[in-house]
Amino acid sequence: MYTKNSLLQDIEKMGINPQGTLLIHSSMKSIGLVEESADTVLDAWSEYMRDGLLIFPTHTWKQIGKETMTFDSRSLPSCVGILPELFRHRPGVLRSLHPTHSVAALGSMAKDYVSGEETRVTPCPREGCWGKLLDLDAEILFLGCTLRSNTFLHGVEEWEEIPDRLDEKTQHLTIISPDGKEYHTDMHRHNCLACDDVSENYIKMEPVFAKRGVVRYGRFGDAKCVIGNARQMRDVTVEMLKHEPQLFTTSEPVPEAWY
């Protein structure tokens, strides 16, 4: 059974900067048996990153527009796993007010990082939390999950203005802040007519990233971890999109000649 100390040792071996910015996509079940379960996992990451900025996605795209048109940041649960859901409730953690692609952040920079999300009109705008990962030279960790979870690549496609990624129509959404204040936005949702979900094909970038030295690997408990630099992932992905802007509409591998 893994303990907080053994998990801290795993983190140190990954070479993550404890004073930097780290966003974690996660699968709790992949880690194995942990003493006191998910709380211990979050304790380990919070302790290691106490001098940096720790971020978990707390997305609600699955519920918004289907079950509700209101994002109540206080109560609407995340649709991306148990660790983000528990993390957003922790003392000192701030949740952004993006109605479909919110994140939760812990650290001295958290307030500035999550600010302004109630004004966004697309899922991953350059000036929003996903774009700020570039400004902060962040690392992105895939903890027991694949690069299919790489929301950041949605951002890259959005910033590069790849056609057929956003719905031309908007949804009028309501946002409720922690203090009960109400905001409204008209959101262009993710939409691809050529395939059901382009993110299913983001996994094809892993061998490209590995060949270019953009990602490295580690272990956290039983979980395989992939760690990548946001700026480098953006640069290499843009290079591949110049070859084929609709790269992610199929599962065909990226041609090796391109990289």
C-alpha atoms as a PDB file:
ATOM      1  CA  MET A   1       0.000   0.000   0.000  1.00  0.00           C
ATOM      2  CA  TYR A   2       1.335   3.438  -0.944  1.00  0.00           C
ATOM      3  CA  THR A   3       1.795   6.171   1.647  1.00  0.00           C
ATOM      4  CA  LYS A   4       2.222   9.919   1.345  1.00  0.00           C
ATOM      5  CA  ASN A   5       5.973   9.567   1.812  1.00  0.00           C
ATOM      6  CA  SER A   6       6.324   6.920  -0.887  1.00  0.00           C
ATOM      7  CA  LEU A   7       4.224   9.020  -3.269  1.00  0.00           C
ATOM      8  CA  LEU A   8       6.365  12.080  -2.541  1.00  0.00           C
ATOM      9  CA  GLN A   9       9.399  10.024  -3.492  1.00  0.00           C
ATOM     10  CA  ASP A  10       7.707   9.112  -6.785  1.00  0.00           C
ATOM     11  CA  ILE A  11       7.046  12.801  -7.500  1.00  0.00           C
ATOM     12  CA  GLU A  12      10.652  13.766  -6.790  1.00  0.00           C
ATOM     13  CA  LYS A  13      11.886  11.102  -9.221  1.00  0.00           C
ATOM     14  CA  MET A  14       9.813  12.706 -11.979  1.00  0.00           C
ATOM     15  CA  GLY A  15      11.867  15.886 -11.720  1.00  0.00           C
ATOM     16  CA  ILE A  16       8.878  18.229 -11.482  1.00  0.00           C
ATOM     17  CA  ASN A  17       9.763  21.790 -10.449  1.00  0.00           C
ATOM     18  CA  PRO A  18       8.144  22.352  -7.028  1.00  0.00           C
ATOM     19  CA  GLN A  19       8.168  26.116  -7.588  1.00  0.00           C
ATOM     20  CA  GLY A  20       6.698  25.941 -11.077  1.00  0.00           C
ATOM     21  CA  THR A  21       3.210  25.476 -12.518  1.00  0.00           C
ATOM     22  CA  LEU A  22       1.777  21.985 -12.870  1.00  0.00           C
ATOM     23  CA  LEU A  23      -1.577  20.881 -14.295  1.00  0.00           C
ATOM     24  CA  ILE A  24      -2.594  17.283 -13.622  1.00  0.00           C
ATOM     25  CA  HIS A  25      -4.963  15.093 -15.634  1.00  0.00           C
ATOM     26  CA  SER A  26      -5.580  12.053 -13.483  1.00  0.00           C
ATOM     27  CA  SER A  27      -7.000   8.579 -12.977  1.00  0.00           C
ATOM     28  CA  MET A  28      -7.228   7.692  -9.293  1.00  0.00           C
ATOM     29  CA  LYS A  29      -7.893   3.994  -9.918  1.00  0.00           C
ATOM     30  CA  SER A  30      -4.639   3.662 -11.865  1.00  0.00           C
ATOM     31  CA  ILE A  31      -2.545   4.513  -8.775  1.00  0.00           C
ATOM     32  CA  GLY A  32      -3.400   1.395  -6.806  1.00  0.00           C
ATOM     33  CA  LEU A  33      -4.016   1.060  -3.078  1.00  0.00           C
ATOM     34  CA  VAL A  34      -3.165   4.228  -1.151  1.00  0.00           C
ATOM     35  CA  GLU A  35      -3.330   4.740   2.591  1.00  0.00           C
ATOM     36  CA  GLU A  36      -6.420   6.934   3.184  1.00  0.00           C
ATOM     37  CA  SER A  37      -7.047   6.883  -0.560  1.00  0.00           C
ATOM     38  CA  ALA A  38      -7.505  10.051  -2.648  1.00  0.00           C
ATOM     39  CA  ASP A  39      -6.922  12.484   0.206  1.00  0.00           C
ATOM     40  CA  THR A  40      -3.389  11.164   0.624  1.00  0.00           C
ATOM     41  CA  VAL A  41      -2.744  11.602  -3.103  1.00  0.00           C
ATOM     42  CA  LEU A  42      -3.868  15.230  -2.924  1.00  0.00           C
ATOM     43  CA  ASP A  43      -1.878  15.778   0.287  1.00  0.00           C
ATOM     44  CA  ALA A  44       1.272  14.583  -1.478  1.00  0.00           C
ATOM     45  CA  TRP A  45       0.825  16.826  -4.502  1.00  0.00           C
ATOM     46  CA  SER A  46      -0.200  19.840  -2.420  1.00  0.00           C
ATOM     47  CA  GLU A  47       2.818  19.447  -0.159  1.00  0.00           C
ATOM     48  CA  TYR A  48       5.259  19.008  -3.035  1.00  0.00           C
ATOM     49  CA  MET A  49       3.876  22.015  -4.938  1.00  0.00           C
ATOM     50  CA  ARG A  50       3.390  24.262  -1.887  1.00  0.00           C
ATOM     51  CA  ASP A  51       5.732  26.903  -3.353  1.00  0.00           C
ATOM     52  CA  GLY A  52       4.317  26.633  -6.873  1.00  0.00           C
ATOM     53  CA  LEU A  53       0.943  26.543  -8.610  1.00  0.00           C
ATOM     54  CA  LEU A  54      -0.992  23.252  -8.639  1.00  0.00           C
ATOM     55  CA  ILE A  55      -3.927  22.900 -11.035  1.00  0.00           C
ATOM     56  CA  PHE A  56      -6.555  20.239 -11.721  1.00  0.00           C
ATOM     57  CA  PRO A  57      -9.213  20.480 -14.459  1.00  0.00           C
ATOM     58  CA  THR A  58     -12.744  20.628 -13.007  1.00  0.00           C
ATOM     59  CA  HIS A  59     -14.627  20.518 -16.311  1.00  0.00           C
ATOM     60  CA  THR A  60     -18.416  20.495 -16.556  1.00  0.00           C
ATOM     61  CA  TRP A  61     -18.843  20.289 -20.351  1.00  0.00           C
ATOM     62  CA  LYS A  62     -20.677  16.978 -19.947  1.00  0.00           C
ATOM     63  CA  GLN A  63     -23.493  18.530 -17.880  1.00  0.00           C
ATOM     64  CA  ILE A  64     -23.707  22.065 -19.285  1.00  0.00           C
ATOM     65  CA  GLY A  65     -26.169  22.382 -22.161  1.00  0.00           C
ATOM     66  CA  LYS A  66     -27.623  18.945 -21.447  1.00  0.00           C
ATOM     67  CA  GLU A  67     -28.577  18.721 -17.791  1.00  0.00           C
ATOM     68  CA  THR A  68     -28.390  22.441 -17.038  1.00  0.00           C
ATOM     69  CA  MET A  69     -27.624  25.807 -18.610  1.00  0.00           C
ATOM     70  CA  THR A  70     -26.214  27.125 -15.317  1.00  0.00           C
ATOM     71  CA  PHE A  71     -22.687  26.629 -14.023  1.00  0.00           C
ATOM     72  CA  ASP A  72     -22.904  27.033 -10.259  1.00  0.00           C
ATOM     73  CA  SER A  73     -19.231  26.965  -9.307  1.00  0.00           C
ATOM     74  CA  ARG A  74     -20.113  26.038  -5.736  1.00  0.00           C
ATOM     75  CA  SER A  75     -22.066  22.882  -6.428  1.00  0.00           C
ATOM     76  CA  LEU A  76     -21.786  21.604  -9.997  1.00  0.00           C
ATOM     77  CA  PRO A  77     -19.418  18.621  -9.848  1.00  0.00           C
ATOM     78  CA  SER A  78     -16.530  18.004 -12.189  1.00  0.00           C
ATOM     79  CA  CYS A  79     -16.992  15.351 -14.880  1.00  0.00           C
ATOM     80  CA  VAL A  80     -13.306  14.393 -15.034  1.00  0.00           C
ATOM     81  CA  GLY A  81     -12.747  12.193 -11.997  1.00  0.00           C
ATOM     82  CA  ILE A  82     -12.554  11.984  -8.240  1.00  0.00           C
ATOM     83  CA  LEU A  83      -9.252  13.800  -7.658  1.00  0.00           C
ATOM     84  CA  PRO A  84     -10.356  17.078  -9.313  1.00  0.00           C
ATOM     85  CA  GLU A  85     -13.697  16.897  -7.526  1.00  0.00           C
ATOM     86  CA  LEU A  86     -12.089  16.478  -4.103  1.00  0.00           C
ATOM     87  CA  PHE A  87      -9.366  19.023  -4.882  1.00  0.00           C
ATOM     88  CA  ARG A  88     -11.805  21.839  -5.692  1.00  0.00           C
ATOM     89  CA  HIS A  89     -13.335  21.574  -2.202  1.00  0.00           C
ATOM     90  CA  ARG A  90      -9.997  21.887  -0.371  1.00  0.00           C
ATOM     91  CA  PRO A  91      -9.101  24.957   1.723  1.00  0.00           C
ATOM     92  CA  GLY A  92      -7.306  27.604  -0.305  1.00  0.00           C
ATOM     93  CA  VAL A  93      -8.252  26.110  -3.687  1.00  0.00           C
ATOM     94  CA  LEU A  94      -9.898  28.494  -6.163  1.00  0.00           C
ATOM     95  CA  ARG A  95     -12.117  27.286  -8.988  1.00  0.00           C
ATOM     96  CA  SER A  96     -12.273  29.317 -12.188  1.00  0.00           C
ATOM     97  CA  LEU A  97     -15.644  30.515 -13.481  1.00  0.00           C
ATOM     98  CA  HIS A  98     -15.452  29.064 -16.972  1.00  0.00           C
ATOM     99  CA  PRO A  99     -18.830  27.342 -17.454  1.00  0.00           C
ATOM    100  CA  THR A 100     -17.568  24.295 -19.379  1.00  0.00           C
ATOM    101  CA  HIS A 101     -13.771  24.076 -18.926  1.00  0.00           C
ATOM    102  CA  SER A 102     -13.099  25.299 -15.409  1.00  0.00           C
ATOM    103  CA  VAL A 103      -9.963  24.467 -13.447  1.00  0.00           C
ATOM    104  CA  ALA A 104      -9.115  24.515  -9.748  1.00  0.00           C
ATOM    105  CA  ALA A 105      -5.826  26.032  -8.574  1.00  0.00           C
ATOM    106  CA  LEU A 106      -3.823  26.151  -5.358  1.00  0.00           C
ATOM    107  CA  GLY A 107      -0.919  28.517  -4.711  1.00  0.00           C
ATOM    108  CA  SER A 108       0.000  32.150  -4.281  1.00  0.00           C
ATOM    109  CA  MET A 109      -0.702  32.855  -7.980  1.00  0.00           C
ATOM    110  CA  ALA A 110      -4.058  31.062  -8.010  1.00  0.00           C
ATOM    111  CA  LYS A 111      -6.244  34.186  -7.813  1.00  0.00           C
ATOM    112  CA  ASP A 112      -4.607  35.845 -10.818  1.00  0.00           C
ATOM    113  CA  TYR A 113      -4.504  32.578 -12.718  1.00  0.00           C
ATOM    114  CA  VAL A 114      -8.253  31.864 -12.510  1.00  0.00           C
ATOM    115  CA  SER A 115      -9.440  35.473 -12.886  1.00  0.00           C
ATOM    116  CA  GLY A 116     -11.597  36.576 -15.805  1.00  0.00           C
ATOM    117  CA  GLU A 117     -12.972  33.185 -16.854  1.00  0.00           C
ATOM    118  CA  GLU A 118     -16.569  34.366 -16.498  1.00  0.00           C
ATOM    119  CA  THR A 119     -16.026  36.558 -19.595  1.00  0.00           C
ATOM    120  CA  ARG A 120     -14.832  33.812 -21.957  1.00  0.00           C
ATOM    121  CA  VAL A 121     -16.871  32.836 -25.008  1.00  0.00           C
ATOM    122  CA  THR A 122     -14.884  29.791 -26.218  1.00  0.00           C
ATOM    123  CA  PRO A 123     -13.673  26.679 -24.360  1.00  0.00           C
ATOM    124  CA  CYS A 124      -9.907  27.376 -24.347  1.00  0.00           C
ATOM    125  CA  PRO A 125      -9.133  31.003 -25.356  1.00  0.00           C
ATOM    126  CA  ARG A 126      -5.512  32.140 -25.457  1.00  0.00           C
ATOM    127  CA  GLU A 127      -6.115  34.707 -22.702  1.00  0.00           C
ATOM    128  CA  GLY A 128      -7.802  32.143 -20.453  1.00  0.00           C
ATOM    129  CA  CYS A 129      -6.490  29.528 -18.039  1.00  0.00           C
ATOM    130  CA  TRP A 130      -5.411  27.115 -20.787  1.00  0.00           C
ATOM    131  CA  GLY A 131      -3.497  29.834 -22.605  1.00  0.00           C
ATOM    132  CA  LYS A 132      -1.913  31.034 -19.377  1.00  0.00           C
ATOM    133  CA  LEU A 133      -0.154  27.677 -19.155  1.00  0.00           C
ATOM    134  CA  LEU A 134       2.073  28.981 -21.952  1.00  0.00           C
ATOM    135  CA  ASP A 135       2.786  32.231 -20.123  1.00  0.00           C
ATOM    136  CA  LEU A 136       3.724  30.337 -16.967  1.00  0.00           C
ATOM    137  CA  ASP A 137       5.880  27.771 -18.808  1.00  0.00           C
ATOM    138  CA  ALA A 138       3.770  25.068 -17.167  1.00  0.00           C
ATOM    139  CA  GLU A 139       4.176  21.331 -17.177  1.00  0.00           C
ATOM    140  CA  ILE A 140       1.224  19.046 -17.853  1.00  0.00           C
ATOM    141  CA  LEU A 141       1.107  15.640 -16.188  1.00  0.00           C
ATOM    142  CA  PHE A 142      -0.976  12.715 -17.426  1.00  0.00           C
ATOM    143  CA  LEU A 143      -1.228  10.600 -14.292  1.00  0.00           C
ATOM    144  CA  GLY A 144      -2.459   7.158 -15.258  1.00  0.00           C
ATOM    145  CA  CYS A 145      -4.335   8.503 -18.276  1.00  0.00           C
ATOM    146  CA  THR A 146      -3.486   8.991 -21.930  1.00  0.00           C
ATOM    147  CA  LEU A 147      -3.022  12.095 -24.035  1.00  0.00           C
ATOM    148  CA  ARG A 148      -6.647  11.735 -25.072  1.00  0.00           C
ATOM    149  CA  SER A 149      -7.174  13.866 -21.955  1.00  0.00           C
ATOM    150  CA  ASN A 150      -4.989  16.666 -23.333  1.00  0.00           C
ATOM    151  CA  THR A 151      -7.392  19.627 -23.173  1.00  0.00           C
ATOM    152  CA  PHE A 152      -4.408  21.876 -23.877  1.00  0.00           C
ATOM    153  CA  LEU A 153      -4.395  20.644 -27.490  1.00  0.00           C
ATOM    154  CA  HIS A 154      -7.968  21.875 -27.851  1.00  0.00           C
ATOM    155  CA  GLY A 155      -6.452  25.241 -26.971  1.00  0.00           C
ATOM    156  CA  VAL A 156      -3.690  24.902 -29.557  1.00  0.00           C
ATOM    157  CA  GLU A 157      -6.231  24.141 -32.280  1.00  0.00           C
ATOM    158  CA  GLU A 158      -8.364  27.074 -31.157  1.00  0.00           C
ATOM    159  CA  TRP A 159      -5.433  29.537 -31.147  1.00  0.00           C
ATOM    160  CA  GLU A 160      -4.347  28.338 -34.587  1.00  0.00           C
ATOM    161  CA  GLU A 161      -7.914  28.876 -35.823  1.00  0.00           C
ATOM    162  CA  ILE A 162      -8.266  25.345 -37.172  1.00  0.00           C
ATOM    163  CA  PRO A 163     -11.610  25.186 -39.021  1.00  0.00           C
ATOM    164  CA  ASP A 164     -14.470  22.994 -37.778  1.00  0.00           C
ATOM    165  CA  ARG A 165     -13.600  23.054 -34.092  1.00  0.00           C
ATOM    166  CA  LEU A 166     -16.127  25.491 -32.624  1.00  0.00           C
ATOM    167  CA  ASP A 167     -19.867  25.709 -33.156  1.00  0.00           C
ATOM    168  CA  GLU A 168     -20.862  28.901 -34.952  1.00  0.00           C
ATOM    169  CA  LYS A 169     -24.000  29.022 -32.819  1.00  0.00           C
ATOM    170  CA  THR A 170     -23.747  29.961 -29.154  1.00  0.00           C
ATOM    171  CA  GLN A 171     -25.354  28.780 -25.946  1.00  0.00           C
ATOM    172  CA  HIS A 172     -26.479  31.397 -23.471  1.00  0.00           C
ATOM    173  CA  LEU A 173     -25.083  30.206 -20.152  1.00  0.00           C
ATOM    174  CA  THR A 174     -25.399  31.445 -16.598  1.00  0.00           C
ATOM    175  CA  ILE A 175     -22.442  31.404 -14.199  1.00  0.00           C
ATOM    176  CA  ILE A 176     -22.737  31.660 -10.421  1.00  0.00           C
ATOM    177  CA  SER A 177     -19.644  32.610  -8.429  1.00  0.00           C
ATOM    178  CA  PRO A 178     -18.789  31.406  -4.910  1.00  0.00           C
ATOM    179  CA  ASP A 179     -20.354  34.564  -3.432  1.00  0.00           C
ATOM    180  CA  GLY A 180     -23.577  34.035  -5.393  1.00  0.00           C
ATOM    181  CA  LYS A 181     -22.962  36.706  -8.022  1.00  0.00           C
ATOM    182  CA  GLU A 182     -24.490  35.897 -11.410  1.00  0.00           C
ATOM    183  CA  TYR A 183     -22.779  36.288 -14.784  1.00  0.00           C
ATOM    184  CA  HIS A 184     -23.891  35.502 -18.329  1.00  0.00           C
ATOM    185  CA  THR A 185     -21.971  34.493 -21.421  1.00  0.00           C
ATOM    186  CA  ASP A 186     -22.735  33.286 -24.952  1.00  0.00           C
ATOM    187  CA  MET A 187     -20.469  30.293 -25.427  1.00  0.00           C
ATOM    188  CA  HIS A 188     -19.246  28.707 -28.658  1.00  0.00           C
ATOM    189  CA  ARG A 189     -19.017  25.026 -27.760  1.00  0.00           C
ATOM    190  CA  HIS A 190     -16.605  22.450 -29.152  1.00  0.00           C
ATOM    191  CA  ASN A 191     -18.013  20.962 -32.340  1.00  0.00           C
ATOM    192  CA  CYS A 192     -16.439  18.966 -35.166  1.00  0.00           C
ATOM    193  CA  LEU A 193     -18.541  17.904 -38.127  1.00  0.00           C
ATOM    194  CA  ALA A 194     -15.795  15.654 -39.532  1.00  0.00           C
ATOM    195  CA  CYS A 195     -15.538  13.393 -36.458  1.00  0.00           C
ATOM    196  CA  ASP A 196     -17.294  12.833 -33.160  1.00  0.00           C
ATOM    197  CA  ASP A 197     -14.452  13.921 -30.878  1.00  0.00           C
ATOM    198  CA  VAL A 198     -11.044  15.161 -32.039  1.00  0.00           C
ATOM    199  CA  SER A 199      -9.605  14.666 -28.553  1.00  0.00           C
ATOM    200  CA  GLU A 200      -9.823  10.904 -29.073  1.00  0.00           C
ATOM    201  CA  ASN A 201      -7.040  11.361 -31.624  1.00  0.00           C
ATOM    202  CA  TYR A 202      -4.731  13.558 -29.532  1.00  0.00           C
ATOM    203  CA  ILE A 203      -3.032  10.358 -28.384  1.00  0.00           C
ATOM    204  CA  LYS A 204      -1.303  10.173 -31.789  1.00  0.00           C
ATOM    205  CA  MET A 205       0.965  13.023 -30.624  1.00  0.00           C
ATOM    206  CA  GLU A 206       2.658  10.940 -27.907  1.00  0.00           C
ATOM    207  CA  PRO A 207       5.254   9.256 -30.194  1.00  0.00           C
ATOM    208  CA  VAL A 208       5.919  12.633 -31.814  1.00  0.00           C
ATOM    209  CA  PHE A 209       6.435  14.301 -28.438  1.00  0.00           C
ATOM    210  CA  ALA A 210       8.627  11.426 -27.269  1.00  0.00           C
ATOM    211  CA  LYS A 211      10.828  11.557 -30.382  1.00  0.00           C
ATOM    212  CA  ARG A 212      11.245  15.316 -30.002  1.00  0.00           C
ATOM    213  CA  GLY A 213      12.046  15.068 -26.274  1.00  0.00           C
ATOM    214  CA  VAL A 214       8.947  17.020 -25.305  1.00  0.00           C
ATOM    215  CA  VAL A 215       7.694  14.401 -22.827  1.00  0.00           C
ATOM    216  CA  ARG A 216       9.319  12.174 -20.252  1.00  0.00           C
ATOM    217  CA  TYR A 217       7.956   9.272 -18.222  1.00  0.00           C
ATOM    218  CA  GLY A 218       7.607   8.338 -14.584  1.00  0.00           C
ATOM    219  CA  ARG A 219       5.573   6.355 -12.073  1.00  0.00           C
ATOM    220  CA  PHE A 220       3.192   7.446  -9.345  1.00  0.00           C
ATOM    221  CA  GLY A 221       2.213   4.410  -7.342  1.00  0.00           C
ATOM    222  CA  ASP A 222       1.150   1.906  -9.994  1.00  0.00           C
ATOM    223  CA  ALA A 223       0.303   4.625 -12.496  1.00  0.00           C
ATOM    224  CA  LYS A 224       2.299   5.351 -15.622  1.00  0.00           C
ATOM    225  CA  CYS A 225       2.940   9.080 -15.903  1.00  0.00           C
ATOM    226  CA  VAL A 226       3.639  11.224 -18.950  1.00  0.00           C
ATOM    227  CA  ILE A 227       5.013  14.701 -18.237  1.00  0.00           C
ATOM    228  CA  GLY A 228       5.236  17.358 -20.922  1.00  0.00           C
ATOM    229  CA  ASN A 229       6.152  21.030 -21.242  1.00  0.00           C
ATOM    230  CA  ALA A 230       3.223  23.144 -22.460  1.00  0.00           C
ATOM    231  CA  ARG A 231       5.264  25.465 -24.686  1.00  0.00           C
ATOM    232  CA  GLN A 232       7.095  22.613 -26.358  1.00  0.00           C
ATOM    233  CA  MET A 233       3.880  20.661 -26.878  1.00  0.00           C
ATOM    234  CA  ARG A 234       2.334  23.741 -28.475  1.00  0.00           C
ATOM    235  CA  ASP A 235       5.324  24.311 -30.784  1.00  0.00           C
ATOM    236  CA  VAL A 236       5.522  20.722 -32.015  1.00  0.00           C
ATOM    237  CA  THR A 237       1.756  20.442 -32.456  1.00  0.00           C
ATOM    238  CA  VAL A 238       1.653  23.654 -34.506  1.00  0.00           C
ATOM    239  CA  GLU A 239       4.428  22.240 -36.687  1.00  0.00           C
ATOM    240  CA  MET A 240       2.388  19.091 -37.330  1.00  0.00           C
ATOM    241  CA  LEU A 241      -0.781  21.109 -38.020  1.00  0.00           C
ATOM    242  CA  LYS A 242       1.075  23.023 -40.722  1.00  0.00           C
ATOM    243  CA  HIS A 243       1.472  19.716 -42.539  1.00  0.00           C
ATOM    244  CA  GLU A 244      -2.214  18.882 -42.098  1.00  0.00           C
ATOM    245  CA  PRO A 245      -4.659  21.255 -40.324  1.00  0.00           C
ATOM    246  CA  GLN A 246      -7.210  18.437 -39.979  1.00  0.00           C
ATOM    247  CA  LEU A 247      -4.654  16.093 -38.391  1.00  0.00           C
ATOM    248  CA  PHE A 248      -6.898  15.158 -35.481  1.00  0.00           C
ATOM    249  CA  THR A 249     -10.009  14.212 -37.427  1.00  0.00           C
ATOM    250  CA  THR A 250      -8.637  10.695 -37.981  1.00  0.00           C
ATOM    251  CA  SER A 251      -6.755   8.134 -35.914  1.00  0.00           C
ATOM    252  CA  GLU A 252      -4.098   7.654 -38.585  1.00  0.00           C
ATOM    253  CA  PRO A 253      -0.591   8.018 -37.073  1.00  0.00           C
ATOM    254  CA  VAL A 254       1.412  11.155 -37.730  1.00  0.00           C
ATOM    255  CA  PRO A 255       3.771  10.324 -40.633  1.00  0.00           C
ATOM    256  CA  GLU A 256       7.273   9.761 -39.263  1.00  0.00           C
ATOM    257  CA  ALA A 257       8.729  11.831 -42.090  1.00  0.00           C
ATOM    258  CA  TRP A 258       7.145  14.904 -40.503  1.00  0.00           C
ATOM    259  CA  TYR A 259       9.167  14.606 -37.309  1.00  0.00           C
END
